[in-house]
């Protein structure tokens, strides 16, 4: 198995549903809600928005989860960096944020 650093569109990434920080959560919306409520993802997103980028020394580790024979765009699941991936996902698409967080992410995304 090889590893390499490649840019991946945010909409091709799924949060890990069996993350040790939160245990198994099947619903992606519930994962986002848990990370926001318990893991300071809003503060992380705010920091990313202020800097305009992620720390390049803290890569997000993903594994491809689709069939490589599939001719569509590949999809990946996060195995390292669920919080960072969630923050970037919400900055990229504030509509993914739960209702109580939605306005704050719209403001962050606009900045």
N, C-alpha and C. Protein backbone atom coordinates (compact mmCIF):
# COMPACT_ATOMS: atom_id res chain seq x y z
N UNK A 1 0.85 -1.18 0.00
CA UNK A 1 0.00 0.00 0.00
C UNK A 1 0.89 1.23 0.00
N UNK A 2 0.59 2.15 -0.88
CA UNK A 2 1.37 3.37 -0.96
C UNK A 2 0.62 4.52 -0.28
N UNK A 3 1.38 5.51 0.08
CA UNK A 3 0.76 6.72 0.63
C UNK A 3 1.37 7.91 -0.09
N UNK A 4 0.55 8.92 -0.27
CA UNK A 4 1.01 10.13 -0.93
C UNK A 4 0.13 11.29 -0.50
N UNK A 5 0.64 12.48 -0.65
CA UNK A 5 -0.13 13.67 -0.35
C UNK A 5 -0.76 14.15 -1.64
N UNK A 6 -2.09 14.17 -1.66
CA UNK A 6 -2.82 14.63 -2.84
C UNK A 6 -3.94 15.57 -2.40
N UNK A 7 -4.26 16.56 -3.21
CA UNK A 7 -5.41 17.41 -2.88
C UNK A 7 -6.70 16.64 -3.18
N UNK A 8 -7.66 16.72 -2.27
CA UNK A 8 -8.94 16.03 -2.44
C UNK A 8 -10.06 17.06 -2.24
N UNK A 9 -11.01 17.11 -3.17
CA UNK A 9 -12.14 18.02 -2.97
C UNK A 9 -12.88 17.67 -1.68
N UNK A 10 -13.26 18.68 -0.94
CA UNK A 10 -13.91 18.49 0.36
C UNK A 10 -15.18 17.65 0.23
N UNK A 11 -15.91 17.83 -0.85
CA UNK A 11 -17.18 17.10 -0.99
C UNK A 11 -16.98 15.61 -1.30
N UNK A 12 -15.74 15.16 -1.42
CA UNK A 12 -15.45 13.74 -1.65
C UNK A 12 -15.01 13.04 -0.37
N UNK A 13 -15.06 13.75 0.76
CA UNK A 13 -14.58 13.23 2.04
C UNK A 13 -15.75 12.97 2.98
N UNK A 14 -15.70 11.83 3.67
CA UNK A 14 -16.70 11.47 4.67
C UNK A 14 -16.01 11.37 6.03
N UNK A 15 -16.69 11.83 7.06
CA UNK A 15 -16.15 11.71 8.41
C UNK A 15 -16.19 10.25 8.86
N UNK A 16 -15.23 9.87 9.68
CA UNK A 16 -15.12 8.50 10.17
C UNK A 16 -16.20 8.26 11.21
N UNK A 17 -17.04 7.26 10.99
CA UNK A 17 -18.16 7.01 11.90
C UNK A 17 -17.80 6.18 13.13
N UNK A 18 -16.57 5.69 13.19
CA UNK A 18 -16.12 4.88 14.33
C UNK A 18 -14.91 5.51 15.02
N UNK A 19 -14.89 6.81 15.03
CA UNK A 19 -13.78 7.54 15.62
C UNK A 19 -13.68 7.27 17.12
N UNK A 20 -12.47 7.03 17.64
CA UNK A 20 -12.33 6.77 19.09
C UNK A 20 -12.80 7.93 19.97
N UNK A 21 -12.81 9.14 19.46
CA UNK A 21 -13.27 10.29 20.26
C UNK A 21 -14.76 10.23 20.56
N UNK A 22 -15.55 9.63 19.66
CA UNK A 22 -16.99 9.62 19.88
C UNK A 22 -17.64 8.25 19.76
N UNK A 23 -16.88 7.21 19.50
CA UNK A 23 -17.50 5.91 19.32
C UNK A 23 -18.26 5.85 18.01
N UNK A 24 -19.07 4.82 17.85
CA UNK A 24 -19.79 4.64 16.59
C UNK A 24 -21.01 5.56 16.52
N UNK A 25 -21.08 6.35 15.45
CA UNK A 25 -22.24 7.19 15.16
C UNK A 25 -22.53 7.01 13.67
N UNK A 26 -23.67 6.42 13.35
CA UNK A 26 -23.99 6.10 11.96
C UNK A 26 -24.38 7.31 11.12
N UNK A 27 -25.05 8.28 11.72
CA UNK A 27 -25.58 9.43 11.00
C UNK A 27 -24.52 10.53 10.88
N UNK A 28 -24.12 10.89 9.64
CA UNK A 28 -23.10 11.94 9.46
C UNK A 28 -23.48 13.27 10.12
N UNK A 29 -24.77 13.61 10.11
CA UNK A 29 -25.21 14.85 10.76
C UNK A 29 -24.96 14.80 12.26
N UNK A 30 -25.14 13.63 12.85
CA UNK A 30 -24.91 13.46 14.29
C UNK A 30 -23.42 13.53 14.62
N UNK A 31 -22.58 13.05 13.70
CA UNK A 31 -21.13 13.16 13.90
C UNK A 31 -20.75 14.64 13.95
N UNK A 32 -21.23 15.41 13.00
CA UNK A 32 -20.94 16.84 12.96
C UNK A 32 -21.43 17.53 14.23
N UNK A 33 -22.66 17.21 14.63
CA UNK A 33 -23.22 17.81 15.84
C UNK A 33 -22.36 17.46 17.06
N UNK A 34 -21.95 16.21 17.17
CA UNK A 34 -21.13 15.77 18.30
C UNK A 34 -19.78 16.50 18.31
N UNK A 35 -19.15 16.62 17.15
CA UNK A 35 -17.86 17.30 17.07
C UNK A 35 -17.99 18.79 17.42
N UNK A 36 -19.08 19.40 17.03
CA UNK A 36 -19.30 20.81 17.37
C UNK A 36 -19.57 20.99 18.86
N UNK A 37 -20.41 20.13 19.41
CA UNK A 37 -20.80 20.26 20.82
C UNK A 37 -19.72 19.82 21.80
N UNK A 38 -18.91 18.85 21.42
CA UNK A 38 -17.97 18.24 22.37
C UNK A 38 -16.49 18.43 22.04
N UNK A 39 -16.16 18.80 20.82
CA UNK A 39 -14.76 18.79 20.40
C UNK A 39 -14.24 20.12 19.86
N UNK A 40 -14.89 21.21 20.18
CA UNK A 40 -14.44 22.56 19.83
C UNK A 40 -14.15 22.76 18.33
N UNK A 41 -14.96 22.15 17.48
CA UNK A 41 -14.75 22.29 16.04
C UNK A 41 -15.03 23.72 15.57
N UNK A 42 -15.97 24.41 16.20
CA UNK A 42 -16.21 25.80 15.80
C UNK A 42 -14.96 26.64 16.01
N UNK A 43 -14.32 26.50 17.14
CA UNK A 43 -13.10 27.26 17.43
C UNK A 43 -12.00 26.91 16.43
N UNK A 44 -11.90 25.65 16.08
CA UNK A 44 -10.92 25.23 15.08
C UNK A 44 -11.25 25.85 13.72
N UNK A 45 -12.52 25.83 13.33
CA UNK A 45 -12.93 26.43 12.06
C UNK A 45 -12.64 27.92 12.04
N UNK A 46 -12.88 28.58 13.17
CA UNK A 46 -12.60 30.01 13.26
C UNK A 46 -11.12 30.29 13.06
N UNK A 47 -10.27 29.48 13.66
CA UNK A 47 -8.83 29.62 13.51
C UNK A 47 -8.41 29.39 12.06
N UNK A 48 -8.98 28.39 11.42
CA UNK A 48 -8.67 28.10 10.02
C UNK A 48 -9.12 29.27 9.14
N UNK A 49 -10.31 29.80 9.41
CA UNK A 49 -10.83 30.93 8.62
C UNK A 49 -9.94 32.16 8.79
N UNK A 50 -9.48 32.40 10.00
CA UNK A 50 -8.63 33.56 10.25
C UNK A 50 -7.28 33.43 9.55
N UNK A 51 -6.71 32.24 9.56
CA UNK A 51 -5.41 32.02 8.90
C UNK A 51 -5.54 31.82 7.40
N UNK A 52 -6.71 31.36 6.98
CA UNK A 52 -6.94 31.11 5.57
C UNK A 52 -6.40 29.78 5.08
N UNK A 53 -5.96 28.94 6.01
CA UNK A 53 -5.44 27.63 5.61
C UNK A 53 -5.28 26.73 6.83
N UNK A 54 -5.12 25.44 6.55
CA UNK A 54 -4.78 24.47 7.59
C UNK A 54 -3.28 24.50 7.82
N UNK A 55 -2.87 24.05 8.98
CA UNK A 55 -1.44 23.88 9.24
C UNK A 55 -0.93 22.77 8.31
N UNK A 56 0.01 23.07 7.41
CA UNK A 56 0.47 22.06 6.45
C UNK A 56 1.21 20.88 7.09
N UNK A 57 1.59 21.03 8.35
CA UNK A 57 2.26 19.93 9.04
C UNK A 57 1.27 18.96 9.67
N UNK A 58 -0.01 19.31 9.68
CA UNK A 58 -1.05 18.46 10.25
C UNK A 58 -1.96 17.99 9.11
N UNK A 59 -1.53 16.96 8.43
CA UNK A 59 -2.29 16.44 7.31
C UNK A 59 -3.51 15.66 7.79
N UNK A 60 -4.53 15.63 6.97
CA UNK A 60 -5.71 14.80 7.22
C UNK A 60 -5.46 13.48 6.52
N UNK A 61 -5.56 12.38 7.28
CA UNK A 61 -5.32 11.05 6.73
C UNK A 61 -6.63 10.42 6.27
N UNK A 62 -6.70 10.05 5.01
CA UNK A 62 -7.91 9.45 4.46
C UNK A 62 -7.58 8.14 3.76
N UNK A 63 -8.60 7.31 3.62
CA UNK A 63 -8.49 6.06 2.86
C UNK A 63 -9.60 6.05 1.83
N UNK A 64 -9.25 5.67 0.63
CA UNK A 64 -10.24 5.60 -0.44
C UNK A 64 -11.25 4.51 -0.11
N UNK A 65 -12.55 4.82 -0.28
CA UNK A 65 -13.57 3.84 0.10
C UNK A 65 -14.43 3.36 -1.06
N UNK A 66 -14.29 3.96 -2.22
CA UNK A 66 -15.09 3.50 -3.35
C UNK A 66 -14.34 2.42 -4.11
N UNK A 67 -15.01 1.79 -5.03
CA UNK A 67 -14.40 0.77 -5.87
C UNK A 67 -13.52 1.47 -6.90
N UNK A 68 -12.24 1.12 -6.94
CA UNK A 68 -11.32 1.79 -7.86
C UNK A 68 -11.72 1.61 -9.32
N UNK A 69 -12.53 0.59 -9.62
CA UNK A 69 -13.00 0.38 -10.99
C UNK A 69 -14.12 1.35 -11.35
N UNK A 70 -14.72 1.97 -10.34
CA UNK A 70 -15.79 2.94 -10.55
C UNK A 70 -15.23 4.13 -11.33
N UNK A 71 -15.94 4.54 -12.35
CA UNK A 71 -15.44 5.62 -13.19
C UNK A 71 -15.77 7.01 -12.65
N UNK A 72 -16.52 7.09 -11.55
CA UNK A 72 -16.84 8.37 -10.95
C UNK A 72 -15.66 8.90 -10.14
N UNK A 73 -15.88 10.04 -9.51
CA UNK A 73 -14.85 10.63 -8.66
C UNK A 73 -14.64 9.75 -7.43
N UNK A 74 -13.40 9.54 -7.00
CA UNK A 74 -13.17 8.72 -5.81
C UNK A 74 -13.69 9.40 -4.55
N UNK A 75 -14.07 8.59 -3.57
CA UNK A 75 -14.49 9.09 -2.27
C UNK A 75 -13.58 8.50 -1.19
N UNK A 76 -13.49 9.23 -0.08
CA UNK A 76 -12.55 8.87 0.97
C UNK A 76 -13.22 8.99 2.34
N UNK A 77 -12.70 8.25 3.32
CA UNK A 77 -13.14 8.41 4.70
C UNK A 77 -11.93 8.86 5.52
N UNK A 78 -12.18 9.76 6.45
CA UNK A 78 -11.12 10.32 7.30
C UNK A 78 -10.76 9.32 8.39
N UNK A 79 -9.48 8.98 8.48
CA UNK A 79 -9.00 8.14 9.57
C UNK A 79 -8.16 8.94 10.56
N UNK A 80 -7.65 10.06 10.15
CA UNK A 80 -6.89 10.95 11.03
C UNK A 80 -7.27 12.38 10.69
N UNK A 81 -7.78 13.11 11.67
CA UNK A 81 -8.11 14.51 11.43
C UNK A 81 -9.60 14.76 11.26
N UNK A 82 -10.45 13.97 11.91
CA UNK A 82 -11.90 14.17 11.80
C UNK A 82 -12.31 15.60 12.16
N UNK A 83 -11.73 16.16 13.21
CA UNK A 83 -12.07 17.52 13.62
C UNK A 83 -11.70 18.53 12.54
N UNK A 84 -10.48 18.43 12.02
CA UNK A 84 -10.04 19.35 10.97
C UNK A 84 -10.89 19.20 9.71
N UNK A 85 -11.16 17.95 9.34
CA UNK A 85 -11.98 17.70 8.15
C UNK A 85 -13.38 18.28 8.34
N UNK A 86 -13.95 18.08 9.52
CA UNK A 86 -15.28 18.62 9.82
C UNK A 86 -15.27 20.14 9.73
N UNK A 87 -14.27 20.78 10.29
CA UNK A 87 -14.18 22.24 10.25
C UNK A 87 -14.13 22.74 8.81
N UNK A 88 -13.32 22.11 7.99
CA UNK A 88 -13.20 22.52 6.58
C UNK A 88 -14.50 22.26 5.83
N UNK A 89 -15.13 21.12 6.12
CA UNK A 89 -16.40 20.80 5.47
C UNK A 89 -17.45 21.87 5.78
N UNK A 90 -17.51 22.31 7.03
CA UNK A 90 -18.50 23.30 7.43
C UNK A 90 -18.18 24.70 6.89
N UNK A 91 -16.90 25.01 6.77
CA UNK A 91 -16.52 26.28 6.15
C UNK A 91 -16.86 26.27 4.66
N UNK A 92 -16.68 25.13 4.04
CA UNK A 92 -16.96 24.97 2.62
C UNK A 92 -18.47 24.97 2.33
N UNK A 93 -19.24 24.38 3.25
CA UNK A 93 -20.69 24.29 3.06
C UNK A 93 -21.40 24.45 4.40
N UNK A 94 -21.65 25.70 4.81
CA UNK A 94 -22.30 25.96 6.10
C UNK A 94 -23.66 25.28 6.27
N UNK A 95 -24.30 24.90 5.16
CA UNK A 95 -25.59 24.22 5.26
C UNK A 95 -25.47 22.85 5.93
N UNK A 96 -24.27 22.32 6.04
CA UNK A 96 -24.06 21.05 6.75
C UNK A 96 -24.14 21.21 8.26
N UNK A 97 -24.03 22.45 8.73
CA UNK A 97 -24.03 22.71 10.18
C UNK A 97 -25.45 22.56 10.74
N UNK A 98 -25.54 22.01 11.96
CA UNK A 98 -26.85 21.96 12.62
C UNK A 98 -27.41 23.38 12.77
N UNK A 99 -28.73 23.48 12.91
CA UNK A 99 -29.43 24.77 12.94
C UNK A 99 -28.81 25.74 13.94
N UNK A 100 -28.48 25.27 15.14
CA UNK A 100 -27.96 26.19 16.16
C UNK A 100 -26.57 26.72 15.83
N UNK A 101 -25.88 26.12 14.89
CA UNK A 101 -24.54 26.56 14.48
C UNK A 101 -24.53 27.23 13.11
N UNK A 102 -25.61 27.11 12.38
CA UNK A 102 -25.65 27.51 10.96
C UNK A 102 -25.23 28.96 10.72
N UNK A 103 -25.82 29.91 11.44
CA UNK A 103 -25.50 31.33 11.22
C UNK A 103 -24.02 31.62 11.48
N UNK A 104 -23.47 30.99 12.51
CA UNK A 104 -22.05 31.22 12.82
C UNK A 104 -21.15 30.73 11.70
N UNK A 105 -21.50 29.60 11.09
CA UNK A 105 -20.67 29.08 9.99
C UNK A 105 -20.86 29.88 8.71
N UNK A 106 -22.02 30.43 8.51
CA UNK A 106 -22.20 31.32 7.35
C UNK A 106 -21.28 32.52 7.49
N UNK A 107 -21.23 33.12 8.69
CA UNK A 107 -20.35 34.26 8.93
C UNK A 107 -18.88 33.89 8.71
N UNK A 108 -18.48 32.73 9.27
CA UNK A 108 -17.09 32.29 9.10
C UNK A 108 -16.77 32.06 7.63
N UNK A 109 -17.66 31.41 6.93
CA UNK A 109 -17.41 31.10 5.51
C UNK A 109 -17.28 32.38 4.69
N UNK A 110 -18.04 33.40 5.04
CA UNK A 110 -17.97 34.66 4.32
C UNK A 110 -16.65 35.39 4.57
N UNK A 111 -16.05 35.11 5.72
CA UNK A 111 -14.78 35.77 6.03
C UNK A 111 -13.67 35.06 5.30
